[in-house]
Structures are given as C-alpha cells and as structure tokens.
C-alpha cells in the first residue's frame, strides 16, 4: 500500500520537477519583470533610483497617449508588422519552396540566404548604413549607372522613404524562417506530389494546392514569430537613423530605449506595458484568424 502511494506521488511530482527549471526561468525573467513594469508604470520612478518614488496612477499612460511621438512610433511599428506578415513571410515561403525543388547550387543559396541571420544585427545595420549613403553608397551608384539619377536620393534622410528603407534591409534576413518552411516541406509525403504529377499538375499547382495548405501550421508559427521579432526590432533603426529624421522612423522599442536612457523609467515601462498588451492582442487575433473550428 505504501509503495503504491509512493509510486503515485512520484508519477505526479516527476512532471513538475522536469518543468521546474523552465518555470523558474519564466518567473525570474518574465513574470517578475512584468510585475515590476506594471507597478513602476504607475509611479514617477526614474531609472536606477528608488528614492522619492510616488504613486501617480494613470498619469504616465495619459502622457504617453497624448504624445504625438508615441502615435508616430505606434503607426511605424504596425507598418513594420504589416510588412513582416504580408511581405517577409511570403518571401520566406517562396524561397523555401524554390530551394526545396533542389535547383542547381541549392545548398550554396541556402547558405547565402541564412548568412545574414548569423551576423550581429549591429554589423548588418552598419553595412546597410554605408550602402544607403547618398554620396558614395552602392545603391545610389547602381541607380545612377542605369540612368535613374532621379531616384538616387538620401533614402535615410527623407521622411517619406526612411521607414521603407529600414524595412527593406530587414527583409533579407529570410534564412531562419526559410529553414523552418523547408523542414516542413520535407515532411510532406512524396506520394502526394507523385499523384498530383500523374493528374497533370505543374510546379505552381503543386505549390498552391498541396505545399502551402500542408504548411498551414508552420505558417502560423512563422507569422507569430515574425510579429514577436518585429516587436523586438531595435538595432537597425537605432544604428541607421536613431528614429529620424525627426520621428519618421521611430518605433516603439526605440522610443522605450530613449525614455529609459533619459532617466524616465516610469514612462519607458509604460510604453513597455502598452507593447505587451498590443502584442498579446495581435497574437490572439492571428491565432483566431488562422484557427480551425476543431482547434478553437
């Protein structure tokens, strides 16, 4: 009887012990910081100082929501997210489908596409900064060479083009998500494609009616990861424009950083809380849009 009870207790406690390291990490690095952010966002706390901290209620949220810079950063962040979902993810999917056909030198191109993902973002940002230079930058030199002198402008110094230029530099980091799609494509049984070939399907038909539908779960995961990575984007706008000219390329993570280094920790954490809420809403919306009835 005692052995039976010990066995039952062991069966119940073992899963908890296996999960305990992960639970500790989540609590220490997510739960506690989130609680700290929520509390300090309703105070006049300045970064690094806890003396003379007073409760101010929702004053910080009122300040943020009445700040034009916040709404500019908010709009730019959502434009970036939209470009990530509707341009970056399809580009990664197309790249994966093409490379999965094993074209000539496909291993070489797979390495080339993944290469930007192993370079430090700060390094990539500096590289693109020089490529976009209006005087000696390679991009404008190419435009002048092919006779498009009118397009050889200061891409990072013009408010109407700076955000698009930043998003353009980020679009080439397709390797990580391409590998995810390729691994899932490799799991599709060849018999399905063989049957489609017998029925007269061409490469486009197979990709549209077989590959993409069977990658549905992978697409959901990639979209969610893309949104998550977008909310953490910092290095590229920080190095290349610092949010300028003016606030034309300001995004929420960069605005949060600027408030924190200006010793306005409460306002920075207020922005962080709004980002957390917005991120949760976007992730929930995406899951509901993609969810099948049997998964809801």
C-alpha atoms as a PDB file:
ATOM      1  CA  UNK A   1       0.000   0.000   0.000  1.00  0.00           C
ATOM      2  CA  UNK A   2       2.811   2.377   0.945  1.00  0.00           C
ATOM      3  CA  UNK A   3       4.741   1.522  -2.227  1.00  0.00           C
ATOM      4  CA  UNK A   4       1.629   2.157  -4.297  1.00  0.00           C
ATOM      5  CA  UNK A   5       1.124   5.585  -2.729  1.00  0.00           C
ATOM      6  CA  UNK A   6       4.794   6.460  -3.229  1.00  0.00           C
ATOM      7  CA  UNK A   7       4.544   5.397  -6.859  1.00  0.00           C
ATOM      8  CA  UNK A   8       1.501   7.579  -7.398  1.00  0.00           C
ATOM      9  CA  UNK A   9       3.184  10.508  -5.659  1.00  0.00           C
ATOM     10  CA  UNK A  10       6.290  10.013  -7.812  1.00  0.00           C
ATOM     11  CA  UNK A  11       4.235   9.925 -11.001  1.00  0.00           C
ATOM     12  CA  UNK A  12       2.610  13.197 -10.016  1.00  0.00           C
ATOM     13  CA  UNK A  13       5.711  15.009  -8.841  1.00  0.00           C
ATOM     14  CA  UNK A  14       8.093  13.954 -11.653  1.00  0.00           C
ATOM     15  CA  UNK A  15       6.454  16.110 -14.361  1.00  0.00           C
ATOM     16  CA  UNK A  16       6.588  19.097 -12.020  1.00  0.00           C
ATOM     17  CA  UNK A  17      10.289  18.501 -11.340  1.00  0.00           C
ATOM     18  CA  UNK A  18      11.005  18.315 -15.075  1.00  0.00           C
ATOM     19  CA  UNK A  19       9.160  21.590 -15.629  1.00  0.00           C
ATOM     20  CA  UNK A  20      10.649  23.329 -12.599  1.00  0.00           C
ATOM     21  CA  UNK A  21      13.754  24.802 -14.364  1.00  0.00           C
ATOM     22  CA  UNK A  22      11.583  26.272 -17.114  1.00  0.00           C
ATOM     23  CA  UNK A  23       9.096  27.607 -14.565  1.00  0.00           C
ATOM     24  CA  UNK A  24      11.892  29.277 -12.589  1.00  0.00           C
ATOM     25  CA  UNK A  25      13.290  30.908 -15.731  1.00  0.00           C
ATOM     26  CA  UNK A  26       9.853  32.190 -16.777  1.00  0.00           C
ATOM     27  CA  UNK A  27       9.119  33.558 -13.308  1.00  0.00           C
ATOM     28  CA  UNK A  28      12.525  35.240 -12.906  1.00  0.00           C
ATOM     29  CA  UNK A  29      12.898  36.660 -16.407  1.00  0.00           C
ATOM     30  CA  UNK A  30       9.271  37.345 -17.378  1.00  0.00           C
ATOM     31  CA  UNK A  31       6.743  37.310 -14.541  1.00  0.00           C
ATOM     32  CA  UNK A  32       8.745  39.346 -12.016  1.00  0.00           C
ATOM     33  CA  UNK A  33       9.942  41.959 -14.576  1.00  0.00           C
ATOM     34  CA  UNK A  34       6.395  42.287 -15.913  1.00  0.00           C
ATOM     35  CA  UNK A  35       5.015  42.892 -12.420  1.00  0.00           C
ATOM     36  CA  UNK A  36       7.810  45.414 -11.815  1.00  0.00           C
ATOM     37  CA  UNK A  37       6.930  47.205 -15.066  1.00  0.00           C
ATOM     38  CA  UNK A  38       3.248  47.335 -14.184  1.00  0.00           C
ATOM     39  CA  UNK A  39       3.940  48.784 -10.736  1.00  0.00           C
ATOM     40  CA  UNK A  40       6.546  51.340 -11.794  1.00  0.00           C
ATOM     41  CA  UNK A  41       4.459  52.450 -14.783  1.00  0.00           C
ATOM     42  CA  UNK A  42       2.056  53.971 -12.246  1.00  0.00           C
ATOM     43  CA  UNK A  43       4.758  55.845 -10.358  1.00  0.00           C
ATOM     44  CA  UNK A  44       7.216  58.672 -11.002  1.00  0.00           C
ATOM     45  CA  UNK A  45      10.167  56.255 -10.878  1.00  0.00           C
ATOM     46  CA  UNK A  46      13.348  57.300 -12.675  1.00  0.00           C
ATOM     47  CA  UNK A  47      15.637  54.561 -13.916  1.00  0.00           C
ATOM     48  CA  UNK A  48      18.063  53.391 -11.255  1.00  0.00           C
ATOM     49  CA  UNK A  49      16.616  55.479  -8.416  1.00  0.00           C
ATOM     50  CA  UNK A  50      14.015  54.309  -5.916  1.00  0.00           C
ATOM     51  CA  UNK A  51      14.064  57.245  -3.513  1.00  0.00           C
ATOM     52  CA  UNK A  52      11.113  59.647  -3.585  1.00  0.00           C
ATOM     53  CA  UNK A  53       9.022  57.292  -5.699  1.00  0.00           C
ATOM     54  CA  UNK A  54       5.368  58.311  -5.593  1.00  0.00           C
ATOM     55  CA  UNK A  55       2.238  56.709  -6.951  1.00  0.00           C
ATOM     56  CA  UNK A  56       0.785  58.738  -9.845  1.00  0.00           C
ATOM     57  CA  UNK A  57      -1.942  56.402 -11.089  1.00  0.00           C
ATOM     58  CA  UNK A  58      -2.559  56.524 -14.822  1.00  0.00           C
ATOM     59  CA  UNK A  59      -0.785  59.847 -15.366  1.00  0.00           C
ATOM     60  CA  UNK A  60       2.036  58.192 -17.305  1.00  0.00           C
ATOM     61  CA  UNK A  61      -0.451  56.499 -19.616  1.00  0.00           C
ATOM     62  CA  UNK A  62      -2.176  59.835 -20.210  1.00  0.00           C
ATOM     63  CA  UNK A  63       1.191  61.409 -21.035  1.00  0.00           C
ATOM     64  CA  UNK A  64       2.061  58.623 -23.456  1.00  0.00           C
ATOM     65  CA  UNK A  65      -1.301  58.595 -25.214  1.00  0.00           C
ATOM     66  CA  UNK A  66      -1.182  62.374 -25.618  1.00  0.00           C
ATOM     67  CA  UNK A  67       2.335  62.278 -27.063  1.00  0.00           C
ATOM     68  CA  UNK A  68       2.447  62.599 -30.865  1.00  0.00           C
ATOM     69  CA  UNK A  69       5.781  60.775 -30.942  1.00  0.00           C
ATOM     70  CA  UNK A  70       4.141  57.724 -29.371  1.00  0.00           C
ATOM     71  CA  UNK A  71       1.476  57.543 -32.051  1.00  0.00           C
ATOM     72  CA  UNK A  72       4.106  58.027 -34.760  1.00  0.00           C
ATOM     73  CA  UNK A  73       6.091  55.135 -33.276  1.00  0.00           C
ATOM     74  CA  UNK A  74       2.874  53.140 -32.902  1.00  0.00           C
ATOM     75  CA  UNK A  75       1.986  53.623 -36.586  1.00  0.00           C
ATOM     76  CA  UNK A  76       5.531  52.832 -37.760  1.00  0.00           C
ATOM     77  CA  UNK A  77       5.608  49.667 -35.657  1.00  0.00           C
ATOM     78  CA  UNK A  78       2.357  48.441 -37.149  1.00  0.00           C
ATOM     79  CA  UNK A  79       3.541  49.279 -40.668  1.00  0.00           C
ATOM     80  CA  UNK A  80       6.642  47.179 -39.949  1.00  0.00           C
ATOM     81  CA  UNK A  81       4.475  44.336 -38.615  1.00  0.00           C
ATOM     82  CA  UNK A  82       2.259  44.505 -41.703  1.00  0.00           C
ATOM     83  CA  UNK A  83       5.291  44.371 -43.994  1.00  0.00           C
ATOM     84  CA  UNK A  84       6.653  41.439 -41.998  1.00  0.00           C
ATOM     85  CA  UNK A  85       3.423  39.444 -42.305  1.00  0.00           C
ATOM     86  CA  UNK A  86       2.456  40.250 -45.880  1.00  0.00           C
ATOM     87  CA  UNK A  87       5.906  40.617 -47.483  1.00  0.00           C
ATOM     88  CA  UNK A  88       8.566  38.949 -45.344  1.00  0.00           C
ATOM     89  CA  UNK A  89       6.703  35.711 -44.578  1.00  0.00           C
ATOM     90  CA  UNK A  90       5.597  35.125 -48.222  1.00  0.00           C
ATOM     91  CA  UNK A  91       9.159  35.841 -49.365  1.00  0.00           C
ATOM     92  CA  UNK A  92      10.491  33.236 -46.915  1.00  0.00           C
ATOM     93  CA  UNK A  93       7.840  30.753 -48.052  1.00  0.00           C
ATOM     94  CA  UNK A  94       8.625  31.325 -51.741  1.00  0.00           C
ATOM     95  CA  UNK A  95      12.342  30.922 -51.071  1.00  0.00           C
ATOM     96  CA  UNK A  96      11.737  27.668 -49.202  1.00  0.00           C
ATOM     97  CA  UNK A  97       9.521  26.261 -51.975  1.00  0.00           C
ATOM     98  CA  UNK A  98      12.103  27.079 -54.653  1.00  0.00           C
ATOM     99  CA  UNK A  99      15.044  25.657 -52.676  1.00  0.00           C
ATOM    100  CA  UNK A 100      13.043  22.522 -51.858  1.00  0.00           C
ATOM    101  CA  UNK A 101      12.963  21.738 -55.576  1.00  0.00           C
ATOM    102  CA  UNK A 102      16.742  21.212 -55.368  1.00  0.00           C
ATOM    103  CA  UNK A 103      17.702  23.641 -58.150  1.00  0.00           C
ATOM    104  CA  UNK A 104      21.365  23.899 -59.189  1.00  0.00           C
ATOM    105  CA  UNK A 105      23.579  25.088 -56.320  1.00  0.00           C
ATOM    106  CA  UNK A 106      20.637  24.959 -53.910  1.00  0.00           C
ATOM    107  CA  UNK A 107      22.925  24.204 -50.947  1.00  0.00           C
ATOM    108  CA  UNK A 108      25.004  27.275 -51.762  1.00  0.00           C
ATOM    109  CA  UNK A 109      21.941  29.527 -51.984  1.00  0.00           C
ATOM    110  CA  UNK A 110      20.545  28.079 -48.762  1.00  0.00           C
ATOM    111  CA  UNK A 111      23.764  29.069 -47.006  1.00  0.00           C
ATOM    112  CA  UNK A 112      23.699  32.505 -48.636  1.00  0.00           C
ATOM    113  CA  UNK A 113      20.129  33.175 -47.510  1.00  0.00           C
ATOM    114  CA  UNK A 114      20.909  32.051 -43.978  1.00  0.00           C
ATOM    115  CA  UNK A 115      24.143  34.032 -43.723  1.00  0.00           C
ATOM    116  CA  UNK A 116      22.537  37.355 -42.593  1.00  0.00           C
ATOM    117  CA  UNK A 117      20.953  35.513 -39.654  1.00  0.00           C
ATOM    118  CA  UNK A 118      24.340  34.627 -38.164  1.00  0.00           C
ATOM    119  CA  UNK A 119      25.725  38.167 -38.398  1.00  0.00           C
ATOM    120  CA  UNK A 120      25.200  40.542 -35.490  1.00  0.00           C
ATOM    121  CA  UNK A 121      22.320  42.953 -36.242  1.00  0.00           C
ATOM    122  CA  UNK A 122      24.534  45.929 -35.389  1.00  0.00           C
ATOM    123  CA  UNK A 123      27.027  44.798 -38.043  1.00  0.00           C
ATOM    124  CA  UNK A 124      24.307  44.429 -40.648  1.00  0.00           C
ATOM    125  CA  UNK A 125      22.926  47.844 -39.745  1.00  0.00           C
ATOM    126  CA  UNK A 126      26.323  49.491 -40.251  1.00  0.00           C
ATOM    127  CA  UNK A 127      26.736  47.713 -43.581  1.00  0.00           C
ATOM    128  CA  UNK A 128      23.343  48.909 -44.825  1.00  0.00           C
ATOM    129  CA  UNK A 129      24.065  52.389 -43.500  1.00  0.00           C
ATOM    130  CA  UNK A 130      27.020  52.676 -45.875  1.00  0.00           C
ATOM    131  CA  UNK A 131      25.111  51.080 -48.741  1.00  0.00           C
ATOM    132  CA  UNK A 132      22.404  53.754 -48.384  1.00  0.00           C
ATOM    133  CA  UNK A 133      24.804  56.699 -48.201  1.00  0.00           C
ATOM    134  CA  UNK A 134      23.614  59.311 -50.730  1.00  0.00           C
ATOM    135  CA  UNK A 135      27.119  60.246 -51.935  1.00  0.00           C
ATOM    136  CA  UNK A 136      29.157  57.043 -52.126  1.00  0.00           C
ATOM    137  CA  UNK A 137      26.567  54.395 -51.317  1.00  0.00           C
ATOM    138  CA  UNK A 138      26.361  51.387 -53.615  1.00  0.00           C
ATOM    139  CA  UNK A 139      22.582  51.615 -54.012  1.00  0.00           C
ATOM    140  CA  UNK A 140      22.647  55.144 -55.410  1.00  0.00           C
ATOM    141  CA  UNK A 141      25.686  54.311 -57.555  1.00  0.00           C
ATOM    142  CA  UNK A 142      23.726  51.477 -59.169  1.00  0.00           C
ATOM    143  CA  UNK A 143      20.744  53.773 -59.756  1.00  0.00           C
ATOM    144  CA  UNK A 144      22.959  56.389 -61.402  1.00  0.00           C
ATOM    145  CA  UNK A 145      24.680  53.746 -63.518  1.00  0.00           C
ATOM    146  CA  UNK A 146      21.383  52.532 -65.009  1.00  0.00           C
ATOM    147  CA  UNK A 147      20.196  56.092 -65.638  1.00  0.00           C
ATOM    148  CA  UNK A 148      17.835  56.508 -62.691  1.00  0.00           C
ATOM    149  CA  UNK A 149      19.512  59.589 -61.267  1.00  0.00           C
ATOM    150  CA  UNK A 150      16.193  60.952 -60.036  1.00  0.00           C
ATOM    151  CA  UNK A 151      15.907  58.010 -57.631  1.00  0.00           C
ATOM    152  CA  UNK A 152      19.420  58.497 -56.238  1.00  0.00           C
ATOM    153  CA  UNK A 153      18.200  60.337 -53.139  1.00  0.00           C
ATOM    154  CA  UNK A 154      19.022  60.364 -49.459  1.00  0.00           C
ATOM    155  CA  UNK A 155      16.942  57.319 -48.589  1.00  0.00           C
ATOM    156  CA  UNK A 156      17.604  57.571 -44.876  1.00  0.00           C
ATOM    157  CA  UNK A 157      17.327  61.351 -44.751  1.00  0.00           C
ATOM    158  CA  UNK A 158      13.945  61.697 -46.432  1.00  0.00           C
ATOM    159  CA  UNK A 159      10.891  61.255 -44.178  1.00  0.00           C
ATOM    160  CA  UNK A 160       8.835  59.625 -46.925  1.00  0.00           C
ATOM    161  CA  UNK A 161      11.405  56.918 -47.711  1.00  0.00           C
ATOM    162  CA  UNK A 162      13.296  56.251 -44.481  1.00  0.00           C
ATOM    163  CA  UNK A 163      10.877  53.712 -42.981  1.00  0.00           C
ATOM    164  CA  UNK A 164      10.642  51.776 -46.242  1.00  0.00           C
ATOM    165  CA  UNK A 165      14.441  51.705 -46.481  1.00  0.00           C
ATOM    166  CA  UNK A 166      14.728  50.282 -42.957  1.00  0.00           C
ATOM    167  CA  UNK A 167      12.113  47.622 -43.637  1.00  0.00           C
ATOM    168  CA  UNK A 168      13.875  46.771 -46.909  1.00  0.00           C
ATOM    169  CA  UNK A 169      17.120  45.998 -45.068  1.00  0.00           C
ATOM    170  CA  UNK A 170      15.258  43.690 -42.669  1.00  0.00           C
ATOM    171  CA  UNK A 171      13.558  41.757 -45.484  1.00  0.00           C
ATOM    172  CA  UNK A 172      16.740  39.918 -46.440  1.00  0.00           C
ATOM    173  CA  UNK A 173      17.012  38.075 -43.139  1.00  0.00           C
ATOM    174  CA  UNK A 174      14.953  35.190 -44.508  1.00  0.00           C
ATOM    175  CA  UNK A 175      17.201  32.278 -43.583  1.00  0.00           C
ATOM    176  CA  UNK A 176      15.722  31.385 -40.203  1.00  0.00           C
ATOM    177  CA  UNK A 177      12.120  31.130 -41.373  1.00  0.00           C
ATOM    178  CA  UNK A 178      13.135  29.587 -44.694  1.00  0.00           C
ATOM    179  CA  UNK A 179      14.755  26.704 -42.812  1.00  0.00           C
ATOM    180  CA  UNK A 180      11.538  26.188 -40.833  1.00  0.00           C
ATOM    181  CA  UNK A 181       9.476  26.027 -44.019  1.00  0.00           C
ATOM    182  CA  UNK A 182      11.967  23.729 -45.747  1.00  0.00           C
ATOM    183  CA  UNK A 183      11.957  21.294 -42.837  1.00  0.00           C
ATOM    184  CA  UNK A 184       8.165  21.109 -43.005  1.00  0.00           C
ATOM    185  CA  UNK A 185       8.144  20.717 -46.778  1.00  0.00           C
ATOM    186  CA  UNK A 186      10.483  17.758 -46.358  1.00  0.00           C
ATOM    187  CA  UNK A 187       7.854  16.096 -44.134  1.00  0.00           C
ATOM    188  CA  UNK A 188       5.198  16.098 -46.879  1.00  0.00           C
ATOM    189  CA  UNK A 189       4.914  12.561 -48.320  1.00  0.00           C
ATOM    190  CA  UNK A 190       6.284  12.290 -51.878  1.00  0.00           C
ATOM    191  CA  UNK A 191       3.318  10.115 -52.825  1.00  0.00           C
ATOM    192  CA  UNK A 192       1.078  13.177 -52.733  1.00  0.00           C
ATOM    193  CA  UNK A 193       3.255  15.033 -55.234  1.00  0.00           C
ATOM    194  CA  UNK A 194       3.576  11.937 -57.419  1.00  0.00           C
ATOM    195  CA  UNK A 195      -0.194  11.554 -57.543  1.00  0.00           C
ATOM    196  CA  UNK A 196      -0.513  15.229 -58.475  1.00  0.00           C
ATOM    197  CA  UNK A 197       2.006  14.796 -61.301  1.00  0.00           C
ATOM    198  CA  UNK A 198       0.005  11.865 -62.636  1.00  0.00           C
ATOM    199  CA  UNK A 199      -3.055  14.127 -62.642  1.00  0.00           C
ATOM    200  CA  UNK A 200      -1.130  16.679 -64.712  1.00  0.00           C
ATOM    201  CA  UNK A 201      -0.230  19.198 -62.008  1.00  0.00           C
ATOM    202  CA  UNK A 202       2.622  21.589 -62.726  1.00  0.00           C
ATOM    203  CA  UNK A 203       5.006  23.110 -60.171  1.00  0.00           C
ATOM    204  CA  UNK A 204       2.760  26.097 -59.445  1.00  0.00           C
ATOM    205  CA  UNK A 205      -0.292  23.894 -58.968  1.00  0.00           C
ATOM    206  CA  UNK A 206       1.566  21.582 -56.596  1.00  0.00           C
ATOM    207  CA  UNK A 207       2.844  24.515 -54.569  1.00  0.00           C
ATOM    208  CA  UNK A 208      -0.539  26.279 -54.398  1.00  0.00           C
ATOM    209  CA  UNK A 209      -2.824  23.310 -53.768  1.00  0.00           C
ATOM    210  CA  UNK A 210      -0.508  20.924 -51.876  1.00  0.00           C
ATOM    211  CA  UNK A 211       2.565  22.541 -50.358  1.00  0.00           C
ATOM    212  CA  UNK A 212       1.082  25.758 -48.983  1.00  0.00           C
ATOM    213  CA  UNK A 213      -2.068  24.170 -47.463  1.00  0.00           C
ATOM    214  CA  UNK A 214       0.025  21.477 -45.788  1.00  0.00           C
ATOM    215  CA  UNK A 215       2.323  24.143 -44.346  1.00  0.00           C
ATOM    216  CA  UNK A 216      -0.547  25.796 -42.517  1.00  0.00           C
ATOM    217  CA  UNK A 217       0.740  25.111 -39.010  1.00  0.00           C
ATOM    218  CA  UNK A 218       4.253  26.197 -39.966  1.00  0.00           C
ATOM    219  CA  UNK A 219       2.872  29.419 -41.457  1.00  0.00           C
ATOM    220  CA  UNK A 220       1.037  30.176 -38.199  1.00  0.00           C
ATOM    221  CA  UNK A 221       4.224  29.625 -36.192  1.00  0.00           C
ATOM    222  CA  UNK A 222       6.310  31.768 -38.553  1.00  0.00           C
ATOM    223  CA  UNK A 223       3.757  34.605 -38.512  1.00  0.00           C
ATOM    224  CA  UNK A 224       3.689  34.590 -34.705  1.00  0.00           C
ATOM    225  CA  UNK A 225       7.485  34.531 -34.510  1.00  0.00           C
ATOM    226  CA  UNK A 226       7.684  37.330 -37.068  1.00  0.00           C
ATOM    227  CA  UNK A 227       5.376  39.528 -35.011  1.00  0.00           C
ATOM    228  CA  UNK A 228       7.426  38.742 -31.908  1.00  0.00           C
ATOM    229  CA  UNK A 229      10.716  39.582 -33.632  1.00  0.00           C
ATOM    230  CA  UNK A 230       9.237  42.798 -35.032  1.00  0.00           C
ATOM    231  CA  UNK A 231       8.284  43.985 -31.559  1.00  0.00           C
ATOM    232  CA  UNK A 232      11.911  43.391 -30.541  1.00  0.00           C
ATOM    233  CA  UNK A 233      13.445  45.163 -33.543  1.00  0.00           C
ATOM    234  CA  UNK A 234      15.876  47.742 -32.252  1.00  0.00           C
ATOM    235  CA  UNK A 235      19.369  47.584 -33.728  1.00  0.00           C
ATOM    236  CA  UNK A 236      18.561  48.554 -37.318  1.00  0.00           C
ATOM    237  CA  UNK A 237      16.659  51.811 -36.633  1.00  0.00           C
ATOM    238  CA  UNK A 238      18.956  52.647 -33.704  1.00  0.00           C
ATOM    239  CA  UNK A 239      22.152  52.434 -35.770  1.00  0.00           C
ATOM    240  CA  UNK A 240      20.868  53.682 -39.116  1.00  0.00           C
ATOM    241  CA  UNK A 241      18.569  56.570 -38.194  1.00  0.00           C
ATOM    242  CA  UNK A 242      18.060  56.764 -34.396  1.00  0.00           C
ATOM    243  CA  UNK A 243      14.403  57.273 -35.209  1.00  0.00           C
ATOM    244  CA  UNK A 244      14.988  60.214 -37.545  1.00  0.00           C
ATOM    245  CA  UNK A 245      14.732  62.342 -39.464  1.00  0.00           C
ATOM    246  CA  UNK A 246      12.576  63.796 -36.719  1.00  0.00           C
ATOM    247  CA  UNK A 247      10.411  60.863 -35.663  1.00  0.00           C
ATOM    248  CA  UNK A 248       9.823  59.498 -39.165  1.00  0.00           C
ATOM    249  CA  UNK A 249      11.395  56.114 -38.378  1.00  0.00           C
ATOM    250  CA  UNK A 250      10.680  55.970 -34.654  1.00  0.00           C
ATOM    251  CA  UNK A 251       9.295  52.632 -33.449  1.00  0.00           C
ATOM    252  CA  UNK A 252       8.070  51.598 -30.004  1.00  0.00           C
ATOM    253  CA  UNK A 253      11.178  49.642 -28.857  1.00  0.00           C
ATOM    254  CA  UNK A 254      13.431  52.562 -29.795  1.00  0.00           C
ATOM    255  CA  UNK A 255      11.149  55.063 -28.066  1.00  0.00           C
ATOM    256  CA  UNK A 256      11.187  52.891 -24.942  1.00  0.00           C
ATOM    257  CA  UNK A 257      15.006  52.885 -25.019  1.00  0.00           C
ATOM    258  CA  UNK A 258      15.163  56.668 -25.443  1.00  0.00           C
ATOM    259  CA  UNK A 259      12.918  57.197 -22.427  1.00  0.00           C
ATOM    260  CA  UNK A 260      14.957  54.797 -20.300  1.00  0.00           C
ATOM    261  CA  UNK A 261      18.348  56.373 -21.076  1.00  0.00           C
ATOM    262  CA  UNK A 262      16.794  59.785 -20.359  1.00  0.00           C
ATOM    263  CA  UNK A 263      16.100  58.552 -16.788  1.00  0.00           C
ATOM    264  CA  UNK A 264      12.372  58.448 -17.407  1.00  0.00           C
ATOM    265  CA  UNK A 265      11.979  54.843 -16.351  1.00  0.00           C
ATOM    266  CA  UNK A 266       8.286  55.072 -15.485  1.00  0.00           C
ATOM    267  CA  UNK A 267       7.416  56.337 -18.967  1.00  0.00           C
ATOM    268  CA  UNK A 268       9.649  53.672 -20.532  1.00  0.00           C
ATOM    269  CA  UNK A 269       7.863  50.941 -18.586  1.00  0.00           C
ATOM    270  CA  UNK A 270       4.517  52.452 -19.552  1.00  0.00           C
ATOM    271  CA  UNK A 271       5.482  52.051 -23.199  1.00  0.00           C
ATOM    272  CA  UNK A 272       6.604  48.503 -22.415  1.00  0.00           C
ATOM    273  CA  UNK A 273       3.219  47.648 -20.886  1.00  0.00           C
ATOM    274  CA  UNK A 274       1.373  49.026 -23.923  1.00  0.00           C
ATOM    275  CA  UNK A 275       3.648  46.953 -26.169  1.00  0.00           C
ATOM    276  CA  UNK A 276       2.929  43.857 -24.086  1.00  0.00           C
ATOM    277  CA  UNK A 277      -0.820  44.408 -24.371  1.00  0.00           C
ATOM    278  CA  UNK A 278      -0.647  45.174 -28.092  1.00  0.00           C
ATOM    279  CA  UNK A 279       1.493  42.114 -28.720  1.00  0.00           C
ATOM    280  CA  UNK A 280      -0.926  39.879 -26.825  1.00  0.00           C
ATOM    281  CA  UNK A 281      -3.872  41.283 -28.795  1.00  0.00           C
ATOM    282  CA  UNK A 282      -2.110  40.763 -32.133  1.00  0.00           C
ATOM    283  CA  UNK A 283      -1.042  37.211 -31.279  1.00  0.00           C
ATOM    284  CA  UNK A 284      -4.547  36.334 -30.082  1.00  0.00           C
ATOM    285  CA  UNK A 285      -6.089  37.835 -33.229  1.00  0.00           C
ATOM    286  CA  UNK A 286      -3.727  35.904 -35.511  1.00  0.00           C
ATOM    287  CA  UNK A 287      -4.450  32.651 -33.698  1.00  0.00           C
ATOM    288  CA  UNK A 288      -8.197  33.222 -34.008  1.00  0.00           C
ATOM    289  CA  UNK A 289      -7.937  34.103 -37.697  1.00  0.00           C
ATOM    290  CA  UNK A 290      -5.888  31.013 -38.510  1.00  0.00           C
ATOM    291  CA  UNK A 291      -7.621  28.653 -36.104  1.00  0.00           C
ATOM    292  CA  UNK A 292      -9.775  25.893 -37.467  1.00  0.00           C
ATOM    293  CA  UNK A 293     -13.058  25.107 -35.780  1.00  0.00           C
ATOM    294  CA  UNK A 294     -11.662  21.953 -34.190  1.00  0.00           C
ATOM    295  CA  UNK A 295      -8.745  23.919 -32.745  1.00  0.00           C
ATOM    296  CA  UNK A 296     -10.744  26.821 -31.296  1.00  0.00           C
END
